[in-house]
């Protein structure tokens, strides 16, 4: 029986070595697969980072181009609006100047007419005064003549 125990122990030890060898082989395979997977993941991460940086660079380039295009468009639009505003302002100033000229012409006409009417009225009043003085002088001369004629008749 001792021989059987020794044989069983030797067989157990051989089985253990075989099991350990298989287990080690399996562990090595698992480790190799894990390393390969980690390498693959690392490459994927690098690719994603590279794609991200490339996309970011493209975005920045596109953003700069869009910014320049927007600034150019904005500058052109601002210039157009300034020109329109300038034209409208000049047109409004011309319209005001024309209205002012027309108003001044109307005022000149009115004042010329008023001045002429006033001159005619003044001349008329002056003539009426002259006529009144003349009539008064004639009346006074007539009264004086009548008085003189009465005085002659009395004597």
Protein backbone atom coordinates (compact mmCIF):
# COMPACT_ATOMS: atom_id res chain seq x y z
CA UNK A 1 0.00 0.00 0.00
CA UNK A 2 2.84 2.31 0.63
CA UNK A 3 3.79 1.83 -3.01
CA UNK A 4 0.33 2.84 -4.05
CA UNK A 5 0.46 5.94 -1.92
CA UNK A 6 3.82 6.85 -3.37
CA UNK A 7 2.54 6.18 -6.88
CA UNK A 8 -0.60 8.17 -6.18
CA UNK A 9 1.50 11.01 -4.79
CA UNK A 10 3.78 10.88 -7.82
CA UNK A 11 0.79 10.80 -10.11
CA UNK A 12 -0.78 13.70 -8.19
CA UNK A 13 2.45 15.67 -8.40
CA UNK A 14 2.69 14.97 -12.13
CA UNK A 15 -0.94 15.98 -12.58
CA UNK A 16 -0.29 19.16 -10.60
CA UNK A 17 2.70 20.03 -12.77
CA UNK A 18 0.65 19.32 -15.86
CA UNK A 19 -2.25 21.39 -14.47
CA UNK A 20 0.14 24.23 -13.48
CA UNK A 21 1.72 24.08 -16.94
CA UNK A 22 -1.70 24.23 -18.64
CA UNK A 23 -2.82 26.94 -16.27
CA UNK A 24 0.32 28.94 -16.93
CA UNK A 25 -0.12 28.46 -20.65
CA UNK A 26 -3.74 29.60 -20.38
CA UNK A 27 -2.73 32.55 -18.19
CA UNK A 28 0.00 33.49 -20.70
CA UNK A 29 -2.53 33.29 -23.52
CA UNK A 30 -4.99 35.41 -21.50
CA UNK A 31 -2.21 37.87 -20.68
CA UNK A 32 -1.13 38.00 -24.34
CA UNK A 33 -4.76 38.59 -25.36
CA UNK A 34 -5.10 41.31 -22.71
CA UNK A 35 -1.86 42.96 -23.90
CA UNK A 36 -3.04 42.75 -27.51
CA UNK A 37 -6.42 44.20 -26.51
CA UNK A 38 -4.69 46.98 -24.50
CA UNK A 39 -2.43 47.73 -27.47
CA UNK A 40 -5.44 47.80 -29.77
CA UNK A 41 -7.31 50.09 -27.36
CA UNK A 42 -4.26 52.33 -27.02
CA UNK A 43 -4.07 52.59 -30.82
CA UNK A 44 -7.79 53.38 -30.95
CA UNK A 45 -7.33 56.09 -28.28
CA UNK A 46 -4.43 57.57 -30.26
CA UNK A 47 -6.55 57.47 -33.44
CA UNK A 48 -9.49 59.13 -31.65
CA UNK A 49 -7.16 61.77 -30.20
CA UNK A 50 -5.60 62.33 -33.61
CA UNK A 51 -9.05 62.58 -35.23
CA UNK A 52 -10.17 64.94 -32.47
CA UNK A 53 -7.13 67.21 -32.89
CA UNK A 54 -7.56 67.15 -36.67
CA UNK A 55 -11.26 67.99 -36.33
CA UNK A 56 -10.37 70.75 -33.86
CA UNK A 57 -7.77 72.17 -36.27
CA UNK A 58 -10.32 72.04 -39.11
CA UNK A 59 -12.90 73.70 -36.86
CA UNK A 60 -10.45 76.46 -35.94
CA UNK A 61 -9.53 76.97 -39.59
CA UNK A 62 -13.21 77.01 -40.58
CA UNK A 63 -14.00 79.31 -37.67
CA UNK A 64 -11.25 81.73 -38.73
CA UNK A 65 -12.50 81.63 -42.33
CA UNK A 66 -16.09 82.18 -41.19
CA UNK A 67 -14.98 85.01 -38.92
CA UNK A 68 -13.13 86.72 -41.76
CA UNK A 69 -16.09 86.16 -44.11
CA UNK A 70 -18.50 87.52 -41.49
CA UNK A 71 -16.30 90.54 -40.82
CA UNK A 72 -16.03 91.21 -44.56
CA UNK A 73 -19.77 90.81 -45.03
CA UNK A 74 -20.41 93.01 -42.01
CA UNK A 75 -17.99 95.66 -43.31
CA UNK A 76 -19.64 95.64 -46.75
CA UNK A 77 -23.13 95.85 -45.19
CA UNK A 78 -22.01 98.66 -42.88
CA UNK A 79 -20.53 100.57 -45.84
CA UNK A 80 -23.74 100.09 -47.84
CA UNK A 81 -25.87 101.28 -44.92
CA UNK A 82 -23.59 104.29 -44.36
CA UNK A 83 -23.88 105.23 -48.05
CA UNK A 84 -27.67 104.85 -47.96
CA UNK A 85 -27.83 106.94 -44.81
CA UNK A 86 -25.56 109.58 -46.35
CA UNK A 87 -27.74 109.71 -49.50
CA UNK A 88 -30.92 109.95 -47.44
CA UNK A 89 -29.37 112.67 -45.29
CA UNK A 90 -28.23 114.64 -48.35
CA UNK A 91 -31.66 114.18 -49.94
CA UNK A 92 -33.37 115.39 -46.75
CA UNK A 93 -31.03 118.40 -46.58
CA UNK A 94 -31.77 119.25 -50.23
CA UNK A 95 -35.51 118.90 -49.60
CA UNK A 96 -35.26 121.18 -46.57
CA UNK A 97 -33.21 123.70 -48.51
CA UNK A 98 -35.78 123.69 -51.35
CA UNK A 99 -38.63 124.08 -48.87
CA UNK A 100 -36.74 126.91 -47.19
CA UNK A 101 -36.12 128.62 -50.54
CA UNK A 102 -39.81 128.31 -51.45
CA UNK A 103 -40.81 129.64 -48.05
CA UNK A 104 -38.38 132.57 -48.41
CA UNK A 105 -39.77 133.33 -51.88
CA UNK A 106 -43.30 133.27 -50.48
CA UNK A 107 -42.22 135.54 -47.63
CA UNK A 108 -40.48 137.91 -50.05
CA UNK A 109 -43.58 138.03 -52.21
CA UNK A 110 -45.77 138.59 -49.18
CA UNK A 111 -43.54 141.29 -47.71
CA UNK A 112 -43.11 142.92 -51.12
CA UNK A 113 -46.89 142.94 -51.49
CA UNK A 114 -47.34 144.16 -47.92
CA UNK A 115 -44.66 146.79 -48.42
CA UNK A 116 -46.30 147.92 -51.66
CA UNK A 117 -49.72 147.99 -49.98
CA UNK A 118 -48.25 149.89 -47.04
CA UNK A 119 -46.56 152.34 -49.42
CA UNK A 120 -49.81 152.82 -51.32
CA UNK A 121 -51.68 153.26 -48.02
CA UNK A 122 -49.06 155.73 -46.80
CA UNK A 123 -49.19 157.66 -50.04
CA UNK A 124 -52.99 157.58 -49.94
CA UNK A 125 -53.00 158.83 -46.34
CA UNK A 126 -50.47 161.50 -47.27
CA UNK A 127 -52.63 162.63 -50.21
CA UNK A 128 -55.72 162.60 -48.06
CA UNK A 129 -53.87 164.82 -45.55
CA UNK A 130 -52.78 167.07 -48.38
CA UNK A 131 -56.33 167.21 -49.73
CA UNK A 132 -57.65 167.91 -46.23
CA UNK A 133 -55.05 170.69 -45.76
CA UNK A 134 -55.82 172.02 -49.18
CA UNK A 135 -59.54 172.00 -48.48
CA UNK A 136 -58.94 173.58 -45.09
CA UNK A 137 -56.76 176.22 -46.75
CA UNK A 138 -59.41 176.75 -49.43
CA UNK A 139 -62.12 176.91 -46.78
CA UNK A 140 -60.02 179.36 -44.78
CA UNK A 141 -59.33 181.41 -47.92
CA UNK A 142 -63.00 181.37 -48.84
CA UNK A 143 -63.99 182.37 -45.31
CA UNK A 144 -61.38 185.12 -45.42
CA UNK A 145 -62.68 186.25 -48.80
CA UNK A 146 -66.25 186.25 -47.53
CA UNK A 147 -65.21 188.20 -44.48
CA UNK A 148 -63.36 190.66 -46.61
CA UNK A 149 -66.34 190.90 -48.95
CA UNK A 150 -68.68 191.50 -46.00
CA UNK A 151 -66.29 194.04 -44.63
CA UNK A 152 -66.32 195.82 -47.98
CA UNK A 153 -70.07 195.81 -48.13
CA UNK A 154 -70.26 197.31 -44.78
CA UNK A 155 -68.19 200.20 -45.66
